[in-house]
C-alpha cells in the first residue's frame, strides 16, 4: 500500500524519499468462528510536503487504494482505514 501511494505521489511530483515519507501500520486479529483472522488494518502515513502540494497529497490518498494490488486483494475481507498527517517542507 505504501509503495502504491508513493507512486501516486511521485506522479504528482511529490517526493517520498526515506526521510520524507513514513508509515505505521496496525491491525486487529480476531477469533472468527474458531479461526484467527486479520479483520482490520489501519495505516498512518506521515509526509513532509510543501504547503502548495497538500491538496494533491490528499487527492492521492483518496485514490491510491483503487490502484493497489494488495489492498484490492483483501478489500471486502479486511477493513482498511488510513490517514495522512502532513508536515511542512520548505520549497
PDB file of N, CA and C in Angstrom:
ATOM      1  N   UNK A   1       0.830  -1.182   0.000  1.00  0.00           N
ATOM      2  CA  UNK A   1       0.000   0.000   0.000  1.00  0.00           C
ATOM      3  C   UNK A   1       0.879   1.252   0.000  1.00  0.00           C
ATOM      4  N   UNK A   2       1.928   1.244   0.824  1.00  0.00           N
ATOM      5  CA  UNK A   2       2.804   2.408   0.895  1.00  0.00           C
ATOM      6  C   UNK A   2       3.471   2.661  -0.459  1.00  0.00           C
ATOM      7  N   UNK A   3       3.865   1.602  -1.132  1.00  0.00           N
ATOM      8  CA  UNK A   3       4.503   1.752  -2.426  1.00  0.00           C
ATOM      9  C   UNK A   3       3.556   2.322  -3.468  1.00  0.00           C
ATOM     10  N   UNK A   4       2.317   1.893  -3.437  1.00  0.00           N
ATOM     11  CA  UNK A   4       1.338   2.422  -4.390  1.00  0.00           C
ATOM     12  C   UNK A   4       1.075   3.895  -4.122  1.00  0.00           C
ATOM     13  N   UNK A   5       0.925   4.270  -2.849  1.00  0.00           N
ATOM     14  CA  UNK A   5       0.725   5.684  -2.530  1.00  0.00           C
ATOM     15  C   UNK A   5       1.956   6.484  -2.951  1.00  0.00           C
ATOM     16  N   UNK A   6       3.146   5.966  -2.728  1.00  0.00           N
ATOM     17  CA  UNK A   6       4.367   6.669  -3.138  1.00  0.00           C
ATOM     18  C   UNK A   6       4.387   6.882  -4.645  1.00  0.00           C
ATOM     19  N   UNK A   7       3.944   5.886  -5.407  1.00  0.00           N
ATOM     20  CA  UNK A   7       3.907   6.018  -6.868  1.00  0.00           C
ATOM     21  C   UNK A   7       2.912   7.094  -7.299  1.00  0.00           C
ATOM     22  N   UNK A   8       1.751   7.138  -6.653  1.00  0.00           N
ATOM     23  CA  UNK A   8       0.754   8.153  -6.991  1.00  0.00           C
ATOM     24  C   UNK A   8       1.279   9.545  -6.611  1.00  0.00           C
ATOM     25  N   UNK A   9       1.930   9.647  -5.463  1.00  0.00           N
ATOM     26  CA  UNK A   9       2.517  10.924  -5.055  1.00  0.00           C
ATOM     27  C   UNK A   9       3.612  11.356  -6.030  1.00  0.00           C
ATOM     28  N   UNK A  10       4.438  10.412  -6.464  1.00  0.00           N
ATOM     29  CA  UNK A  10       5.504  10.725  -7.420  1.00  0.00           C
ATOM     30  C   UNK A  10       4.919  11.255  -8.726  1.00  0.00           C
ATOM     31  N   UNK A  11       3.784  10.696  -9.132  1.00  0.00           N
ATOM     32  CA  UNK A  11       3.120  11.182 -10.333  1.00  0.00           C
ATOM     33  C   UNK A  11       2.652  12.620 -10.201  1.00  0.00           C
ATOM     34  N   UNK A  12       2.510  13.069  -8.966  1.00  0.00           N
ATOM     35  CA  UNK A  12       2.102  14.452  -8.698  1.00  0.00           C
ATOM     36  C   UNK A  12       3.311  15.315  -8.332  1.00  0.00           C
ATOM     37  N   UNK A  13       4.510  14.767  -8.593  1.00  0.00           N
ATOM     38  CA  UNK A  13       5.778  15.469  -8.314  1.00  0.00           C
ATOM     39  C   UNK A  13       5.959  15.768  -6.828  1.00  0.00           C
ATOM     40  N   UNK A  14       5.487  14.834  -5.974  1.00  0.00           N
ATOM     41  CA  UNK A  14       5.685  14.942  -4.530  1.00  0.00           C
ATOM     42  C   UNK A  14       6.727  13.896  -4.147  1.00  0.00           C
ATOM     43  N   UNK A  15       7.816  14.360  -3.565  1.00  0.00           N
ATOM     44  CA  UNK A  15       8.930  13.472  -3.210  1.00  0.00           C
ATOM     45  C   UNK A  15       8.565  12.598  -2.018  1.00  0.00           C
ATOM     46  N   UNK A  16       9.019  11.345  -2.075  1.00  0.00           N
ATOM     47  CA  UNK A  16       8.732  10.389  -0.994  1.00  0.00           C
ATOM     48  C   UNK A  16      10.017   9.700  -0.540  1.00  0.00           C
ATOM     49  N   UNK A  17      11.101  10.445  -0.486  1.00  0.00           N
ATOM     50  CA  UNK A  17      12.353   9.873  -0.003  1.00  0.00           C
ATOM     51  C   UNK A  17      12.168   9.371   1.421  1.00  0.00           C
ATOM     52  N   UNK A  18      13.076   8.509   1.826  1.00  0.00           N
ATOM     53  CA  UNK A  18      13.003   7.845   3.132  1.00  0.00           C
ATOM     54  C   UNK A  18      12.770   8.818   4.294  1.00  0.00           C
ATOM     55  N   UNK A  19      13.417   9.974   4.272  1.00  0.00           N
ATOM     56  CA  UNK A  19      13.276  10.930   5.375  1.00  0.00           C
ATOM     57  C   UNK A  19      12.013  11.796   5.267  1.00  0.00           C
ATOM     58  N   UNK A  20      11.255  11.634   4.182  1.00  0.00           N
ATOM     59  CA  UNK A  20      10.061  12.456   3.965  1.00  0.00           C
ATOM     60  C   UNK A  20       8.750  11.701   4.116  1.00  0.00           C
ATOM     61  N   UNK A  21       8.800  10.380   4.004  1.00  0.00           N
ATOM     62  CA  UNK A  21       7.564   9.592   3.916  1.00  0.00           C
ATOM     63  C   UNK A  21       7.707   8.336   4.762  1.00  0.00           C
ATOM     64  N   UNK A  22       6.799   8.166   5.720  1.00  0.00           N
ATOM     65  CA  UNK A  22       6.826   7.013   6.626  1.00  0.00           C
ATOM     66  C   UNK A  22       5.411   6.500   6.829  1.00  0.00           C
ATOM     67  N   UNK A  23       5.314   5.240   7.234  1.00  0.00           N
ATOM     68  CA  UNK A  23       4.009   4.655   7.542  1.00  0.00           C
ATOM     69  C   UNK A  23       4.125   3.789   8.788  1.00  0.00           C
ATOM     70  N   UNK A  24       3.092   3.839   9.597  1.00  0.00           N
ATOM     71  CA  UNK A  24       2.952   2.952  10.746  1.00  0.00           C
ATOM     72  C   UNK A  24       1.665   2.173  10.532  1.00  0.00           C
ATOM     73  N   UNK A  25       1.775   0.862  10.600  1.00  0.00           N
ATOM     74  CA  UNK A  25       0.616   0.014  10.311  1.00  0.00           C
ATOM     75  C   UNK A  25       0.232  -0.751  11.569  1.00  0.00           C
ATOM     76  N   UNK A  26      -1.051  -0.742  11.881  1.00  0.00           N
ATOM     77  CA  UNK A  26      -1.576  -1.541  12.979  1.00  0.00           C
ATOM     78  C   UNK A  26      -2.729  -2.374  12.446  1.00  0.00           C
ATOM     79  N   UNK A  27      -3.059  -3.403  13.181  1.00  0.00           N
ATOM     80  CA  UNK A  27      -4.165  -4.240  12.753  1.00  0.00           C
ATOM     81  C   UNK A  27      -4.785  -4.986  13.914  1.00  0.00           C
ATOM     82  N   UNK A  28      -5.912  -5.594  13.631  1.00  0.00           N
ATOM     83  CA  UNK A  28      -6.620  -6.395  14.621  1.00  0.00           C
ATOM     84  C   UNK A  28      -6.736  -7.823  14.107  1.00  0.00           C
ATOM     85  N   UNK A  29      -6.464  -8.751  14.994  1.00  0.00           N
ATOM     86  CA  UNK A  29      -6.662 -10.169  14.711  1.00  0.00           C
ATOM     87  C   UNK A  29      -7.732 -10.654  15.664  1.00  0.00           C
ATOM     88  N   UNK A  30      -8.752 -11.277  15.112  1.00  0.00           N
ATOM     89  CA  UNK A  30      -9.879 -11.732  15.923  1.00  0.00           C
ATOM     90  C   UNK A  30     -10.173 -13.202  15.674  1.00  0.00           C
ATOM     91  N   UNK A  31     -10.798 -13.814  16.667  1.00  0.00           N
ATOM     92  CA  UNK A  31     -11.277 -15.190  16.524  1.00  0.00           C
ATOM     93  C   UNK A  31     -12.625 -15.126  15.809  1.00  0.00           C
ATOM     94  N   UNK A  32     -12.657 -15.636  14.598  1.00  0.00           N
ATOM     95  CA  UNK A  32     -13.886 -15.662  13.817  1.00  0.00           C
ATOM     96  C   UNK A  32     -14.263 -17.126  13.615  1.00  0.00           C
ATOM     97  N   UNK A  33     -15.248 -17.558  14.362  1.00  0.00           N
ATOM     98  CA  UNK A  33     -15.722 -18.946  14.309  1.00  0.00           C
ATOM     99  C   UNK A  33     -14.584 -19.949  14.500  1.00  0.00           C
ATOM    100  N   UNK A  34     -13.728 -19.639  15.493  1.00  0.00           N
ATOM    101  CA  UNK A  34     -12.643 -20.553  15.836  1.00  0.00           C
ATOM    102  C   UNK A  34     -11.385 -20.411  14.995  1.00  0.00           C
ATOM    103  N   UNK A  35     -11.362 -19.452  14.079  1.00  0.00           N
ATOM    104  CA  UNK A  35     -10.195 -19.226  13.228  1.00  0.00           C
ATOM    105  C   UNK A  35      -9.692 -17.799  13.452  1.00  0.00           C
ATOM    106  N   UNK A  36      -8.389 -17.666  13.713  1.00  0.00           N
ATOM    107  CA  UNK A  36      -7.829 -16.329  13.854  1.00  0.00           C
ATOM    108  C   UNK A  36      -7.724 -15.674  12.483  1.00  0.00           C
ATOM    109  N   UNK A  37      -8.290 -14.476  12.380  1.00  0.00           N
ATOM    110  CA  UNK A  37      -8.287 -13.754  11.105  1.00  0.00           C
ATOM    111  C   UNK A  37      -7.894 -12.304  11.333  1.00  0.00           C
ATOM    112  N   UNK A  38      -7.179 -11.742  10.366  1.00  0.00           N
ATOM    113  CA  UNK A  38      -6.933 -10.306  10.364  1.00  0.00           C
ATOM    114  C   UNK A  38      -8.240  -9.658   9.913  1.00  0.00           C
ATOM    115  N   UNK A  39      -8.790  -8.806  10.759  1.00  0.00           N
ATOM    116  CA  UNK A  39     -10.079  -8.195  10.433  1.00  0.00           C
ATOM    117  C   UNK A  39      -9.979  -6.715  10.089  1.00  0.00           C
ATOM    118  N   UNK A  40      -8.922  -6.052  10.580  1.00  0.00           N
ATOM    119  CA  UNK A  40      -8.762  -4.627  10.318  1.00  0.00           C
ATOM    120  C   UNK A  40      -7.284  -4.280  10.166  1.00  0.00           C
ATOM    121  N   UNK A  41      -7.024  -3.362   9.242  1.00  0.00           N
ATOM    122  CA  UNK A  41      -5.691  -2.797   9.061  1.00  0.00           C
ATOM    123  C   UNK A  41      -5.857  -1.289   9.033  1.00  0.00           C
ATOM    124  N   UNK A  42      -5.017  -0.583   9.801  1.00  0.00           N
ATOM    125  CA  UNK A  42      -5.021   0.880   9.782  1.00  0.00           C
ATOM    126  C   UNK A  42      -3.606   1.343   9.440  1.00  0.00           C
ATOM    127  N   UNK A  43      -3.512   2.217   8.450  1.00  0.00           N
ATOM    128  CA  UNK A  43      -2.219   2.751   8.027  1.00  0.00           C
ATOM    129  C   UNK A  43      -2.178   4.237   8.346  1.00  0.00           C
ATOM    130  N   UNK A  44      -1.175   4.615   9.111  1.00  0.00           N
ATOM    131  CA  UNK A  44      -0.957   6.022   9.485  1.00  0.00           C
ATOM    132  C   UNK A  44       0.267   6.499   8.707  1.00  0.00           C
ATOM    133  N   UNK A  45       0.052   7.372   7.734  1.00  0.00           N
ATOM    134  CA  UNK A  45       1.137   7.912   6.927  1.00  0.00           C
ATOM    135  C   UNK A  45       1.581   9.259   7.466  1.00  0.00           C
ATOM    136  N   UNK A  46       2.883   9.497   7.416  1.00  0.00           N
ATOM    137  CA  UNK A  46       3.459  10.804   7.717  1.00  0.00           C
ATOM    138  C   UNK A  46       4.200  11.255   6.465  1.00  0.00           C
ATOM    139  N   UNK A  47       3.954  12.491   6.043  1.00  0.00           N
ATOM    140  CA  UNK A  47       4.577  13.012   4.832  1.00  0.00           C
ATOM    141  C   UNK A  47       5.010  14.449   5.061  1.00  0.00           C
ATOM    142  N   UNK A  48       6.272  14.719   4.755  1.00  0.00           N
ATOM    143  CA  UNK A  48       6.754  16.094   4.745  1.00  0.00           C
ATOM    144  C   UNK A  48       6.589  16.589   3.325  1.00  0.00           C
ATOM    145  N   UNK A  49       5.835  17.666   3.171  1.00  0.00           N
ATOM    146  CA  UNK A  49       5.445  18.118   1.840  1.00  0.00           C
ATOM    147  C   UNK A  49       5.330  19.646   1.833  1.00  0.00           C
ATOM    148  N   UNK A  50       5.703  20.284   0.709  1.00  0.00           N
ATOM    149  CA  UNK A  50       5.483  21.736   0.628  1.00  0.00           C
ATOM    150  C   UNK A  50       3.996  22.063   0.747  1.00  0.00           C
ATOM    151  N   UNK A  51       3.700  23.168   1.368  1.00  0.00           N
ATOM    152  CA  UNK A  51       2.299  23.540   1.609  1.00  0.00           C
ATOM    153  C   UNK A  51       1.469  23.554   0.327  1.00  0.00           C
ATOM    154  N   UNK A  52       2.066  23.991  -0.765  1.00  0.00           N
ATOM    155  CA  UNK A  52       1.310  24.085  -2.015  1.00  0.00           C
ATOM    156  C   UNK A  52       0.983  22.727  -2.630  1.00  0.00           C
ATOM    157  N   UNK A  53       1.546  21.651  -2.093  1.00  0.00           N
ATOM    158  CA  UNK A  53       1.275  20.304  -2.601  1.00  0.00           C
ATOM    159  C   UNK A  53       0.314  19.511  -1.711  1.00  0.00           C
ATOM    160  N   UNK A  54      -0.181  20.129  -0.655  1.00  0.00           N
ATOM    161  CA  UNK A  54      -1.053  19.404   0.292  1.00  0.00           C
ATOM    162  C   UNK A  54      -2.341  18.905  -0.341  1.00  0.00           C
ATOM    163  N   UNK A  55      -2.968  19.720  -1.149  1.00  0.00           N
ATOM    164  CA  UNK A  55      -4.213  19.281  -1.796  1.00  0.00           C
ATOM    165  C   UNK A  55      -3.961  18.077  -2.696  1.00  0.00           C
ATOM    166  N   UNK A  56      -2.855  18.091  -3.426  1.00  0.00           N
ATOM    167  CA  UNK A  56      -2.528  16.970  -4.295  1.00  0.00           C
ATOM    168  C   UNK A  56      -2.215  15.712  -3.481  1.00  0.00           C
ATOM    169  N   UNK A  57      -1.575  15.878  -2.331  1.00  0.00           N
ATOM    170  CA  UNK A  57      -1.289  14.732  -1.464  1.00  0.00           C
ATOM    171  C   UNK A  57      -2.594  14.133  -0.939  1.00  0.00           C
ATOM    172  N   UNK A  58      -3.521  14.970  -0.540  1.00  0.00           N
ATOM    173  CA  UNK A  58      -4.820  14.473  -0.075  1.00  0.00           C
ATOM    174  C   UNK A  58      -5.580  13.776  -1.197  1.00  0.00           C
ATOM    175  N   UNK A  59      -5.479  14.308  -2.401  1.00  0.00           N
ATOM    176  CA  UNK A  59      -6.117  13.675  -3.555  1.00  0.00           C
ATOM    177  C   UNK A  59      -5.514  12.283  -3.801  1.00  0.00           C
ATOM    178  N   UNK A  60      -4.202  12.172  -3.677  1.00  0.00           N
ATOM    179  CA  UNK A  60      -3.530  10.880  -3.853  1.00  0.00           C
ATOM    180  C   UNK A  60      -4.023   9.875  -2.819  1.00  0.00           C
ATOM    181  N   UNK A  61      -4.174  10.321  -1.573  1.00  0.00           N
ATOM    182  CA  UNK A  61      -4.663   9.438  -0.520  1.00  0.00           C
ATOM    183  C   UNK A  61      -6.069   8.938  -0.842  1.00  0.00           C
ATOM    184  N   UNK A  62      -6.855   9.782  -1.459  1.00  0.00           N
ATOM    185  CA  UNK A  62      -8.228   9.404  -1.785  1.00  0.00           C
ATOM    186  C   UNK A  62      -8.361   8.445  -2.954  1.00  0.00           C
ATOM    187  N   UNK A  63      -7.291   8.265  -3.730  1.00  0.00           N
ATOM    188  CA  UNK A  63      -7.405   7.433  -4.933  1.00  0.00           C
ATOM    189  C   UNK A  63      -6.495   6.212  -4.965  1.00  0.00           C
ATOM    190  N   UNK A  64      -5.428   6.164  -4.168  1.00  0.00           N
ATOM    191  CA  UNK A  64      -4.420   5.128  -4.335  1.00  0.00           C
ATOM    192  C   UNK A  64      -4.914   3.712  -4.052  1.00  0.00           C
ATOM    193  N   UNK A  65      -5.870   3.541  -3.144  1.00  0.00           N
ATOM    194  CA  UNK A  65      -6.318   2.175  -2.812  1.00  0.00           C
ATOM    195  C   UNK A  65      -6.922   1.461  -4.014  1.00  0.00           C
ATOM    196  N   UNK A  66      -7.557   2.204  -4.897  1.00  0.00           N
ATOM    197  CA  UNK A  66      -8.147   1.565  -6.072  1.00  0.00           C
ATOM    198  C   UNK A  66      -7.076   1.065  -7.040  1.00  0.00           C
ATOM    199  N   UNK A  67      -5.852   1.533  -6.887  1.00  0.00           N
ATOM    200  CA  UNK A  67      -4.743   1.125  -7.748  1.00  0.00           C
ATOM    201  C   UNK A  67      -3.814   0.108  -7.087  1.00  0.00           C
ATOM    202  N   UNK A  68      -4.051  -0.198  -5.830  1.00  0.00           N
ATOM    203  CA  UNK A  68      -3.142  -1.028  -5.040  1.00  0.00           C
ATOM    204  C   UNK A  68      -3.510  -2.506  -5.132  1.00  0.00           C
ATOM    205  N   UNK A  69      -2.647  -3.342  -5.704  1.00  0.00           N
ATOM    206  CA  UNK A  69      -2.954  -4.772  -5.808  1.00  0.00           C
ATOM    207  C   UNK A  69      -3.180  -5.436  -4.452  1.00  0.00           C
ATOM    208  N   UNK A  70      -2.369  -5.079  -3.456  1.00  0.00           N
ATOM    209  CA  UNK A  70      -2.529  -5.683  -2.134  1.00  0.00           C
ATOM    210  C   UNK A  70      -3.862  -5.337  -1.505  1.00  0.00           C
ATOM    211  N   UNK A  71      -4.194  -4.058  -1.533  1.00  0.00           N
ATOM    212  CA  UNK A  71      -5.470  -3.623  -0.957  1.00  0.00           C
ATOM    213  C   UNK A  71      -6.641  -4.229  -1.708  1.00  0.00           C
ATOM    214  N   UNK A  72      -6.568  -4.225  -3.029  1.00  0.00           N
ATOM    215  CA  UNK A  72      -7.665  -4.763  -3.826  1.00  0.00           C
ATOM    216  C   UNK A  72      -7.854  -6.261  -3.595  1.00  0.00           C
ATOM    217  N   UNK A  73      -6.784  -6.939  -3.198  1.00  0.00           N
ATOM    218  CA  UNK A  73      -6.874  -8.381  -2.938  1.00  0.00           C
ATOM    219  C   UNK A  73      -7.634  -8.699  -1.657  1.00  0.00           C
ATOM    220  N   UNK A  74      -7.641  -7.761  -0.694  1.00  0.00           N
ATOM    221  CA  UNK A  74      -8.252  -8.066   0.600  1.00  0.00           C
ATOM    222  C   UNK A  74      -9.478  -7.218   0.933  1.00  0.00           C
ATOM    223  N   UNK A  75      -9.740  -6.170   0.153  1.00  0.00           N
ATOM    224  CA  UNK A  75     -10.932  -5.349   0.412  1.00  0.00           C
ATOM    225  C   UNK A  75     -12.159  -6.256   0.337  1.00  0.00           C
ATOM    226  N   UNK A  76     -13.025  -6.123   1.300  1.00  0.00           N
ATOM    227  CA  UNK A  76     -14.187  -6.999   1.397  1.00  0.00           C
ATOM    228  C   UNK A  76     -13.975  -8.075   2.455  1.00  0.00           C
ATOM    229  N   UNK A  77     -12.718  -8.402   2.726  1.00  0.00           N
ATOM    230  CA  UNK A  77     -12.379  -9.386   3.765  1.00  0.00           C
ATOM    231  C   UNK A  77     -11.771  -8.707   4.990  1.00  0.00           C
ATOM    232  N   UNK A  78     -11.000  -7.661   4.738  1.00  0.00           N
ATOM    233  CA  UNK A  78     -10.314  -6.929   5.804  1.00  0.00           C
ATOM    234  C   UNK A  78     -10.692  -5.457   5.663  1.00  0.00           C
ATOM    235  N   UNK A  79     -11.092  -4.849   6.768  1.00  0.00           N
ATOM    236  CA  UNK A  79     -11.431  -3.432   6.784  1.00  0.00           C
ATOM    237  C   UNK A  79     -10.131  -2.628   6.767  1.00  0.00           C
ATOM    238  N   UNK A  80      -9.941  -1.781   5.763  1.00  0.00           N
ATOM    239  CA  UNK A  80      -8.735  -0.970   5.640  1.00  0.00           C
ATOM    240  C   UNK A  80      -9.093   0.495   5.864  1.00  0.00           C
ATOM    241  N   UNK A  81      -8.374   1.128   6.786  1.00  0.00           N
ATOM    242  CA  UNK A  81      -8.508   2.564   7.005  1.00  0.00           C
ATOM    243  C   UNK A  81      -7.124   3.179   6.906  1.00  0.00           C
ATOM    244  N   UNK A  82      -7.094   4.468   6.640  1.00  0.00           N
ATOM    245  CA  UNK A  82      -5.813   5.155   6.535  1.00  0.00           C
ATOM    246  C   UNK A  82      -5.988   6.625   6.885  1.00  0.00           C
ATOM    247  N   UNK A  83      -4.871   7.240   7.207  1.00  0.00           N
ATOM    248  CA  UNK A  83      -4.858   8.673   7.477  1.00  0.00           C
ATOM    249  C   UNK A  83      -3.499   9.209   7.050  1.00  0.00           C
ATOM    250  N   UNK A  84      -3.479  10.479   6.710  1.00  0.00           N
ATOM    251  CA  UNK A  84      -2.254  11.140   6.275  1.00  0.00           C
ATOM    252  C   UNK A  84      -2.045  12.382   7.121  1.00  0.00           C
ATOM    253  N   UNK A  85      -0.918  12.420   7.815  1.00  0.00           N
ATOM    254  CA  UNK A  85      -0.531  13.588   8.584  1.00  0.00           C
ATOM    255  C   UNK A  85       0.623  14.245   7.832  1.00  0.00           C
ATOM    256  N   UNK A  86       0.466  15.522   7.549  1.00  0.00           N
ATOM    257  CA  UNK A  86       1.480  16.234   6.779  1.00  0.00           C
ATOM    258  C   UNK A  86       2.199  17.257   7.628  1.00  0.00           C
ATOM    259  N   UNK A  87       3.494  17.355   7.379  1.00  0.00           N
ATOM    260  CA  UNK A  87       4.335  18.376   7.994  1.00  0.00           C
ATOM    261  C   UNK A  87       4.838  19.287   6.882  1.00  0.00           C
ATOM    262  N   UNK A  88       5.041  20.555   7.197  1.00  0.00           N
ATOM    263  CA  UNK A  88       5.539  21.489   6.204  1.00  0.00           C
ATOM    264  C   UNK A  88       6.967  21.168   5.806  1.00  0.00           C
ATOM    265  N   UNK A  89       7.216  21.248   4.523  1.00  0.00           N
ATOM    266  CA  UNK A  89       8.555  21.106   3.955  1.00  0.00           C
ATOM    267  C   UNK A  89       8.798  22.357   3.132  1.00  0.00           C
ATOM    268  N   UNK A  90       9.789  23.134   3.495  1.00  0.00           N
ATOM    269  CA  UNK A  90      10.051  24.346   2.707  1.00  0.00           C
ATOM    270  C   UNK A  90      10.354  23.995   1.256  1.00  0.00           C
ATOM    271  N   UNK A  91       9.894  24.854   0.348  1.00  0.00           N
ATOM    272  CA  UNK A  91      10.132  24.594  -1.087  1.00  0.00           C
ATOM    273  C   UNK A  91      11.509  25.032  -1.497  1.00  0.00           C
TER     274      UNK A  91
END
